Amino acid sequence: MIRTYILEDLDCAHCAGKIEADVAKLEGVKKSTVTLLTQKLVVEIEDAKAGKLTKEVKRIVKKYEPDVTVIEK
């Protein structure tokens, strides 16, 4: 399963890298990619683990970029 999130107002490449790395460490995540130019986070996750993903993504993003809004696409 692929989930896409818009990271509205993300403008820090260093923070984007940290977000990508932390999301990749979540249980069930196969791949995590943040594209700063489009402000998108794309996550490939096992179907069984997808339920809590949005909550965890928001927690991680707020940890590094408190002013960024996470929108599930």
N, C-alpha and C. Protein backbone atom coordinates (compact mmCIF):
# COMPACT_ATOMS: atom_id res chain seq x y z
N MET A 1 0.85 -1.17 0.00
CA MET A 1 0.00 0.00 0.00
C MET A 1 0.89 1.24 0.00
N ILE A 2 0.49 2.21 -0.80
CA ILE A 2 1.23 3.48 -0.88
C ILE A 2 0.36 4.58 -0.30
N ARG A 3 0.93 5.36 0.59
CA ARG A 3 0.24 6.53 1.16
C ARG A 3 1.05 7.77 0.80
N THR A 4 0.35 8.83 0.42
CA THR A 4 1.00 10.09 0.07
C THR A 4 0.50 11.19 1.00
N TYR A 5 1.43 11.99 1.48
CA TYR A 5 1.10 13.11 2.37
C TYR A 5 1.71 14.39 1.79
N ILE A 6 0.97 15.47 1.88
CA ILE A 6 1.49 16.79 1.54
C ILE A 6 2.03 17.39 2.84
N LEU A 7 3.25 17.87 2.81
CA LEU A 7 3.88 18.50 3.97
C LEU A 7 3.91 20.01 3.69
N GLU A 8 2.78 20.63 3.90
CA GLU A 8 2.59 22.04 3.55
C GLU A 8 3.52 22.94 4.36
N ASP A 9 4.26 23.79 3.67
CA ASP A 9 5.21 24.75 4.24
C ASP A 9 6.54 24.12 4.66
N LEU A 10 6.83 22.91 4.23
CA LEU A 10 8.14 22.31 4.51
C LEU A 10 9.19 23.00 3.63
N ASP A 11 10.22 23.57 4.26
CA ASP A 11 11.23 24.28 3.48
C ASP A 11 12.66 24.01 3.96
N CYS A 12 12.84 22.98 4.75
CA CYS A 12 14.15 22.66 5.31
C CYS A 12 14.59 21.28 4.82
N ALA A 13 15.63 21.25 4.00
CA ALA A 13 16.12 19.98 3.45
C ALA A 13 16.63 19.05 4.54
N HIS A 14 17.30 19.61 5.53
CA HIS A 14 17.83 18.80 6.63
C HIS A 14 16.69 18.13 7.40
N CYS A 15 15.65 18.89 7.70
CA CYS A 15 14.48 18.36 8.41
C CYS A 15 13.76 17.31 7.56
N ALA A 16 13.68 17.55 6.26
CA ALA A 16 13.04 16.59 5.36
C ALA A 16 13.76 15.25 5.42
N GLY A 17 15.07 15.29 5.47
CA GLY A 17 15.86 14.06 5.58
C GLY A 17 15.60 13.33 6.89
N LYS A 18 15.49 14.08 7.98
CA LYS A 18 15.21 13.47 9.28
C LYS A 18 13.82 12.85 9.30
N ILE A 19 12.84 13.55 8.72
CA ILE A 19 11.47 13.03 8.66
C ILE A 19 11.47 11.73 7.85
N GLU A 20 12.11 11.75 6.70
CA GLU A 20 12.17 10.57 5.84
C GLU A 20 12.78 9.38 6.59
N ALA A 21 13.88 9.61 7.29
CA ALA A 21 14.57 8.55 8.03
C ALA A 21 13.71 8.00 9.17
N ASP A 22 13.07 8.88 9.93
CA ASP A 22 12.25 8.43 11.06
C ASP A 22 11.01 7.67 10.60
N VAL A 23 10.38 8.13 9.54
CA VAL A 23 9.20 7.42 9.02
C VAL A 23 9.62 6.05 8.51
N ALA A 24 10.78 5.96 7.89
CA ALA A 24 11.27 4.68 7.38
C ALA A 24 11.49 3.65 8.49
N LYS A 25 11.71 4.12 9.71
CA LYS A 25 11.94 3.23 10.86
C LYS A 25 10.65 2.70 11.48
N LEU A 26 9.50 3.25 11.09
CA LEU A 26 8.23 2.81 11.66
C LEU A 26 7.94 1.36 11.28
N GLU A 27 7.28 0.66 12.18
CA GLU A 27 6.96 -0.74 11.94
C GLU A 27 6.07 -0.89 10.71
N GLY A 28 6.47 -1.78 9.82
CA GLY A 28 5.69 -2.08 8.63
C GLY A 28 6.02 -1.22 7.42
N VAL A 29 6.84 -0.18 7.61
CA VAL A 29 7.19 0.70 6.50
C VAL A 29 8.29 0.05 5.67
N LYS A 30 8.04 -0.08 4.38
CA LYS A 30 9.02 -0.65 3.46
C LYS A 30 9.91 0.43 2.88
N LYS A 31 9.32 1.62 2.60
CA LYS A 31 10.07 2.70 1.99
C LYS A 31 9.42 4.04 2.32
N SER A 32 10.25 5.05 2.52
CA SER A 32 9.78 6.39 2.83
C SER A 32 10.59 7.38 1.99
N THR A 33 9.91 8.29 1.29
CA THR A 33 10.60 9.27 0.45
C THR A 33 9.97 10.65 0.62
N VAL A 34 10.79 11.63 0.98
CA VAL A 34 10.33 13.02 1.06
C VAL A 34 10.95 13.77 -0.12
N THR A 35 10.10 14.46 -0.88
CA THR A 35 10.56 15.30 -1.97
C THR A 35 10.29 16.75 -1.57
N LEU A 36 11.35 17.48 -1.28
CA LEU A 36 11.23 18.85 -0.78
C LEU A 36 10.57 19.77 -1.81
N LEU A 37 10.93 19.62 -3.06
CA LEU A 37 10.42 20.49 -4.11
C LEU A 37 8.89 20.44 -4.20
N THR A 38 8.32 19.24 -4.08
CA THR A 38 6.87 19.10 -4.18
C THR A 38 6.20 19.05 -2.81
N GLN A 39 7.01 19.05 -1.75
CA GLN A 39 6.52 18.98 -0.37
C GLN A 39 5.67 17.72 -0.15
N LYS A 40 6.14 16.59 -0.69
CA LYS A 40 5.40 15.33 -0.57
C LYS A 40 6.21 14.29 0.18
N LEU A 41 5.49 13.50 0.97
CA LEU A 41 6.04 12.32 1.63
C LEU A 41 5.28 11.14 1.06
N VAL A 42 5.99 10.18 0.48
CA VAL A 42 5.38 8.97 -0.05
C VAL A 42 5.90 7.81 0.78
N VAL A 43 4.95 7.02 1.31
CA VAL A 43 5.30 5.91 2.19
C VAL A 43 4.72 4.62 1.62
N GLU A 44 5.57 3.62 1.50
CA GLU A 44 5.11 2.28 1.13
C GLU A 44 5.07 1.47 2.41
N ILE A 45 3.88 0.93 2.73
CA ILE A 45 3.69 0.25 4.01
C ILE A 45 2.89 -1.03 3.82
N GLU A 46 3.12 -1.99 4.70
CA GLU A 46 2.33 -3.22 4.69
C GLU A 46 0.88 -2.86 5.02
N ASP A 47 -0.07 -3.47 4.34
CA ASP A 47 -1.49 -3.17 4.54
C ASP A 47 -1.92 -3.29 6.00
N ALA A 48 -1.44 -4.31 6.68
CA ALA A 48 -1.85 -4.57 8.05
C ALA A 48 -1.39 -3.49 9.03
N LYS A 49 -0.37 -2.74 8.69
CA LYS A 49 0.20 -1.74 9.58
C LYS A 49 -0.25 -0.31 9.24
N ALA A 50 -1.07 -0.13 8.23
CA ALA A 50 -1.41 1.19 7.71
C ALA A 50 -2.33 2.00 8.63
N GLY A 51 -3.02 1.37 9.54
CA GLY A 51 -3.99 2.06 10.38
C GLY A 51 -3.46 3.21 11.21
N LYS A 52 -2.29 3.06 11.79
CA LYS A 52 -1.73 4.08 12.68
C LYS A 52 -0.73 5.00 11.97
N LEU A 53 -0.56 4.81 10.68
CA LEU A 53 0.49 5.52 9.96
C LEU A 53 0.32 7.04 10.00
N THR A 54 -0.86 7.53 9.72
CA THR A 54 -1.07 8.98 9.66
C THR A 54 -0.74 9.64 10.99
N LYS A 55 -1.18 9.05 12.08
CA LYS A 55 -0.91 9.60 13.41
C LYS A 55 0.61 9.66 13.67
N GLU A 56 1.31 8.61 13.30
CA GLU A 56 2.75 8.56 13.52
C GLU A 56 3.50 9.54 12.61
N VAL A 57 3.05 9.67 11.37
CA VAL A 57 3.67 10.63 10.45
C VAL A 57 3.52 12.05 11.00
N LYS A 58 2.32 12.39 11.47
CA LYS A 58 2.09 13.73 12.03
C LYS A 58 2.98 13.98 13.24
N ARG A 59 3.13 12.97 14.09
CA ARG A 59 3.97 13.10 15.28
C ARG A 59 5.43 13.38 14.88
N ILE A 60 5.92 12.64 13.92
CA ILE A 60 7.31 12.81 13.48
C ILE A 60 7.52 14.17 12.83
N VAL A 61 6.60 14.58 11.97
CA VAL A 61 6.73 15.88 11.29
C VAL A 61 6.73 17.01 12.31
N LYS A 62 5.82 16.96 13.28
CA LYS A 62 5.73 18.02 14.30
C LYS A 62 6.99 18.08 15.16
N LYS A 63 7.65 16.94 15.33
CA LYS A 63 8.89 16.88 16.11
C LYS A 63 9.98 17.75 15.48
N TYR A 64 10.08 17.72 14.15
CA TYR A 64 11.12 18.46 13.45
C TYR A 64 10.65 19.81 12.89
N GLU A 65 9.40 19.88 12.49
CA GLU A 65 8.86 21.08 11.85
C GLU A 65 7.47 21.38 12.41
N PRO A 66 7.38 22.02 13.56
CA PRO A 66 6.08 22.25 14.21
C PRO A 66 5.10 23.09 13.39
N ASP A 67 5.59 23.87 12.44
CA ASP A 67 4.71 24.74 11.65
C ASP A 67 4.22 24.09 10.36
N VAL A 68 4.66 22.87 10.08
CA VAL A 68 4.24 22.19 8.85
C VAL A 68 2.90 21.51 9.07
N THR A 69 2.02 21.64 8.09
CA THR A 69 0.72 20.98 8.12
C THR A 69 0.80 19.70 7.29
N VAL A 70 0.36 18.59 7.87
CA VAL A 70 0.37 17.29 7.19
C VAL A 70 -1.03 17.03 6.64
N ILE A 71 -1.11 16.82 5.33
CA ILE A 71 -2.39 16.56 4.69
C ILE A 71 -2.30 15.22 3.96
N GLU A 72 -3.16 14.29 4.32
CA GLU A 72 -3.17 12.99 3.63
C GLU A 72 -3.85 13.16 2.29
N LYS A 73 -3.18 12.71 1.26
CA LYS A 73 -3.71 12.88 -0.09
C LYS A 73 -4.48 11.67 -0.53
